Amino acid sequence: MTCSIRRSKKRNAVALRIDYTEAALDDLAEITRYGAFNFGLKAARAYSQSLLDATEILATFPMAGAATTDPLSRVLISQSHRLVYRVEPESILILRILHARQMPQELE
């Protein structure tokens, strides 16, 4: 996978590219569907966008999330969800977007 480095608008810092696994994109789609059904489409879209916005902090601060028992992955909490990711040499790979109640074994 080729990744590009981009410059952050804040203090000219180097920012890493954010990539998503298919599982993470499926998670986001399901979160949006659930939200639309229960809270309306506008609220669901706003919530899903807030999850995507939360990943942007990782572009500049890749170690912002907490370490996990898996030495290759980290977790960033955003509202009721956990953004599970891996720091790669030139990118951040979002592995999953899980509700806080979901158990770690559901990562597999």
C-alpha atoms as a PDB file:
ATOM      1  CA  MET A   1       0.000   0.000   0.000  1.00  0.00           C
ATOM      2  CA  THR A   2       1.431   3.387  -0.939  1.00  0.00           C
ATOM      3  CA  CYS A   3       0.868   6.231   1.451  1.00  0.00           C
ATOM      4  CA  SER A   4       1.556   9.907   1.183  1.00  0.00           C
ATOM      5  CA  ILE A   5       2.636  12.381   3.821  1.00  0.00           C
ATOM      6  CA  ARG A   6       0.747  15.616   4.064  1.00  0.00           C
ATOM      7  CA  ARG A   7       1.413  18.783   5.967  1.00  0.00           C
ATOM      8  CA  SER A   8      -0.911  19.763   8.758  1.00  0.00           C
ATOM      9  CA  LYS A   9      -2.224  23.321   8.762  1.00  0.00           C
ATOM     10  CA  LYS A  10      -1.210  23.627  12.415  1.00  0.00           C
ATOM     11  CA  ARG A  11       2.414  24.612  13.007  1.00  0.00           C
ATOM     12  CA  ASN A  12       3.584  23.074   9.728  1.00  0.00           C
ATOM     13  CA  ALA A  13       3.652  19.628  11.357  1.00  0.00           C
ATOM     14  CA  VAL A  14       3.960  16.484   9.277  1.00  0.00           C
ATOM     15  CA  ALA A  15       0.630  14.672   9.113  1.00  0.00           C
ATOM     16  CA  LEU A  16       0.192  11.019   8.242  1.00  0.00           C
ATOM     17  CA  ARG A  17      -2.385   9.742   5.806  1.00  0.00           C
ATOM     18  CA  ILE A  18      -5.470   8.069   7.286  1.00  0.00           C
ATOM     19  CA  ASP A  19      -6.514   4.764   5.687  1.00  0.00           C
ATOM     20  CA  TYR A  20      -9.480   2.535   6.573  1.00  0.00           C
ATOM     21  CA  THR A  21      -9.870  -1.236   6.357  1.00  0.00           C
ATOM     22  CA  GLU A  22     -13.001  -2.625   4.733  1.00  0.00           C
ATOM     23  CA  ALA A  23     -14.110  -3.744   8.197  1.00  0.00           C
ATOM     24  CA  ALA A  24     -13.799  -0.172   9.529  1.00  0.00           C
ATOM     25  CA  LEU A  25     -15.796   1.186   6.589  1.00  0.00           C
ATOM     26  CA  ASP A  26     -18.437  -1.501   7.182  1.00  0.00           C
ATOM     27  CA  ASP A  27     -18.515  -0.519  10.871  1.00  0.00           C
ATOM     28  CA  LEU A  28     -19.051   3.136   9.943  1.00  0.00           C
ATOM     29  CA  ALA A  29     -21.836   2.241   7.495  1.00  0.00           C
ATOM     30  CA  GLU A  30     -23.571   0.159  10.174  1.00  0.00           C
ATOM     31  CA  ILE A  31     -23.216   2.955  12.742  1.00  0.00           C
ATOM     32  CA  THR A  32     -24.800   5.351  10.245  1.00  0.00           C
ATOM     33  CA  ARG A  33     -27.663   2.935   9.456  1.00  0.00           C
ATOM     34  CA  TYR A  34     -28.346   2.326  13.141  1.00  0.00           C
ATOM     35  CA  GLY A  35     -28.247   6.042  13.878  1.00  0.00           C
ATOM     36  CA  ALA A  36     -30.548   6.899  10.982  1.00  0.00           C
ATOM     37  CA  PHE A  37     -33.094   4.326  12.128  1.00  0.00           C
ATOM     38  CA  ASN A  38     -33.002   5.387  15.781  1.00  0.00           C
ATOM     39  CA  PHE A  39     -32.176   9.102  15.678  1.00  0.00           C
ATOM     40  CA  GLY A  40     -32.814  10.318  12.136  1.00  0.00           C
ATOM     41  CA  LEU A  41     -30.578  10.708   9.107  1.00  0.00           C
ATOM     42  CA  LYS A  42     -29.281  14.172   9.976  1.00  0.00           C
ATOM     43  CA  ALA A  43     -28.137  13.099  13.451  1.00  0.00           C
ATOM     44  CA  ALA A  44     -26.642   9.871  12.083  1.00  0.00           C
ATOM     45  CA  ARG A  45     -24.614  11.702   9.470  1.00  0.00           C
ATOM     46  CA  ALA A  46     -23.393  14.239  12.034  1.00  0.00           C
ATOM     47  CA  TYR A  47     -22.347  11.470  14.433  1.00  0.00           C
ATOM     48  CA  SER A  48     -20.560   9.493  11.707  1.00  0.00           C
ATOM     49  CA  GLN A  49     -18.771  12.646  10.581  1.00  0.00           C
ATOM     50  CA  SER A  50     -17.673  13.282  14.170  1.00  0.00           C
ATOM     51  CA  LEU A  51     -16.068   9.814  14.205  1.00  0.00           C
ATOM     52  CA  LEU A  52     -14.222  10.594  10.984  1.00  0.00           C
ATOM     53  CA  ASP A  53     -13.156  13.957  12.380  1.00  0.00           C
ATOM     54  CA  ALA A  54     -11.762  12.204  15.461  1.00  0.00           C
ATOM     55  CA  THR A  55      -9.393  10.221  13.252  1.00  0.00           C
ATOM     56  CA  GLU A  56      -7.864  13.459  11.997  1.00  0.00           C
ATOM     57  CA  ILE A  57      -6.098  14.050  15.323  1.00  0.00           C
ATOM     58  CA  LEU A  58      -4.223  10.816  14.665  1.00  0.00           C
ATOM     59  CA  ALA A  59      -2.757  12.227  11.457  1.00  0.00           C
ATOM     60  CA  THR A  60      -0.656  14.649  13.513  1.00  0.00           C
ATOM     61  CA  PHE A  61      -0.598  12.844  16.865  1.00  0.00           C
ATOM     62  CA  PRO A  62      -0.481   9.119  16.039  1.00  0.00           C
ATOM     63  CA  MET A  63       0.193   8.067  19.613  1.00  0.00           C
ATOM     64  CA  ALA A  64      -2.853   9.954  20.980  1.00  0.00           C
ATOM     65  CA  GLY A  65      -4.773   6.724  21.482  1.00  0.00           C
ATOM     66  CA  ALA A  66      -4.225   4.330  24.348  1.00  0.00           C
ATOM     67  CA  ALA A  67      -2.032   1.266  24.006  1.00  0.00           C
ATOM     68  CA  THR A  68      -3.794  -2.103  23.882  1.00  0.00           C
ATOM     69  CA  THR A  69      -2.799  -5.642  24.747  1.00  0.00           C
ATOM     70  CA  ASP A  70      -1.907  -6.005  21.059  1.00  0.00           C
ATOM     71  CA  PRO A  71       1.430  -4.198  20.702  1.00  0.00           C
ATOM     72  CA  LEU A  72       0.618  -3.233  17.113  1.00  0.00           C
ATOM     73  CA  SER A  73      -2.700  -1.498  17.753  1.00  0.00           C
ATOM     74  CA  ARG A  74      -3.971   1.484  19.718  1.00  0.00           C
ATOM     75  CA  VAL A  75      -7.449   2.787  20.610  1.00  0.00           C
ATOM     76  CA  LEU A  76      -8.839   6.303  20.483  1.00  0.00           C
ATOM     77  CA  ILE A  77     -12.161   6.877  22.249  1.00  0.00           C
ATOM     78  CA  SER A  78     -14.659   9.110  20.468  1.00  0.00           C
ATOM     79  CA  GLN A  79     -18.034   9.535  22.112  1.00  0.00           C
ATOM     80  CA  SER A  80     -19.517   6.029  22.442  1.00  0.00           C
ATOM     81  CA  HIS A  81     -17.083   4.381  20.040  1.00  0.00           C
ATOM     82  CA  ARG A  82     -13.541   3.075  20.005  1.00  0.00           C
ATOM     83  CA  LEU A  83     -11.395   3.738  16.957  1.00  0.00           C
ATOM     84  CA  VAL A  84      -8.975   0.832  16.789  1.00  0.00           C
ATOM     85  CA  TYR A  85      -5.933   1.652  14.667  1.00  0.00           C
ATOM     86  CA  ARG A  86      -2.381   0.760  13.816  1.00  0.00           C
ATOM     87  CA  VAL A  87       0.460   3.216  13.287  1.00  0.00           C
ATOM     88  CA  GLU A  88       2.324   2.390  10.091  1.00  0.00           C
ATOM     89  CA  PRO A  89       5.489   4.073   8.788  1.00  0.00           C
ATOM     90  CA  GLU A  90       3.684   6.703   6.717  1.00  0.00           C
ATOM     91  CA  SER A  91       0.041   6.255   7.603  1.00  0.00           C
ATOM     92  CA  ILE A  92      -2.552   5.458  10.233  1.00  0.00           C
ATOM     93  CA  LEU A  93      -4.678   2.414   9.437  1.00  0.00           C
ATOM     94  CA  ILE A  94      -8.115   2.441  11.076  1.00  0.00           C
ATOM     95  CA  LEU A  95      -8.823  -1.230  11.721  1.00  0.00           C
ATOM     96  CA  ARG A  96     -12.284  -1.065  13.303  1.00  0.00           C
ATOM     97  CA  ILE A  97     -14.807   1.404  14.702  1.00  0.00           C
ATOM     98  CA  LEU A  98     -16.520  -0.388  17.571  1.00  0.00           C
ATOM     99  CA  HIS A  99     -19.106   0.607  20.124  1.00  0.00           C
ATOM    100  CA  ALA A 100     -17.557   0.874  23.587  1.00  0.00           C
ATOM    101  CA  ARG A 101     -19.629  -2.131  24.719  1.00  0.00           C
ATOM    102  CA  GLN A 102     -18.153  -4.443  22.096  1.00  0.00           C
ATOM    103  CA  MET A 103     -15.530  -6.840  23.389  1.00  0.00           C
ATOM    104  CA  PRO A 104     -11.929  -6.876  22.097  1.00  0.00           C
ATOM    105  CA  GLN A 105     -12.295 -10.377  20.628  1.00  0.00           C
ATOM    106  CA  GLU A 106     -14.718  -8.802  18.157  1.00  0.00           C
ATOM    107  CA  LEU A 107     -11.700  -7.232  16.470  1.00  0.00           C
ATOM    108  CA  GLU A 108     -10.944 -10.491  14.697  1.00  0.00           C
END
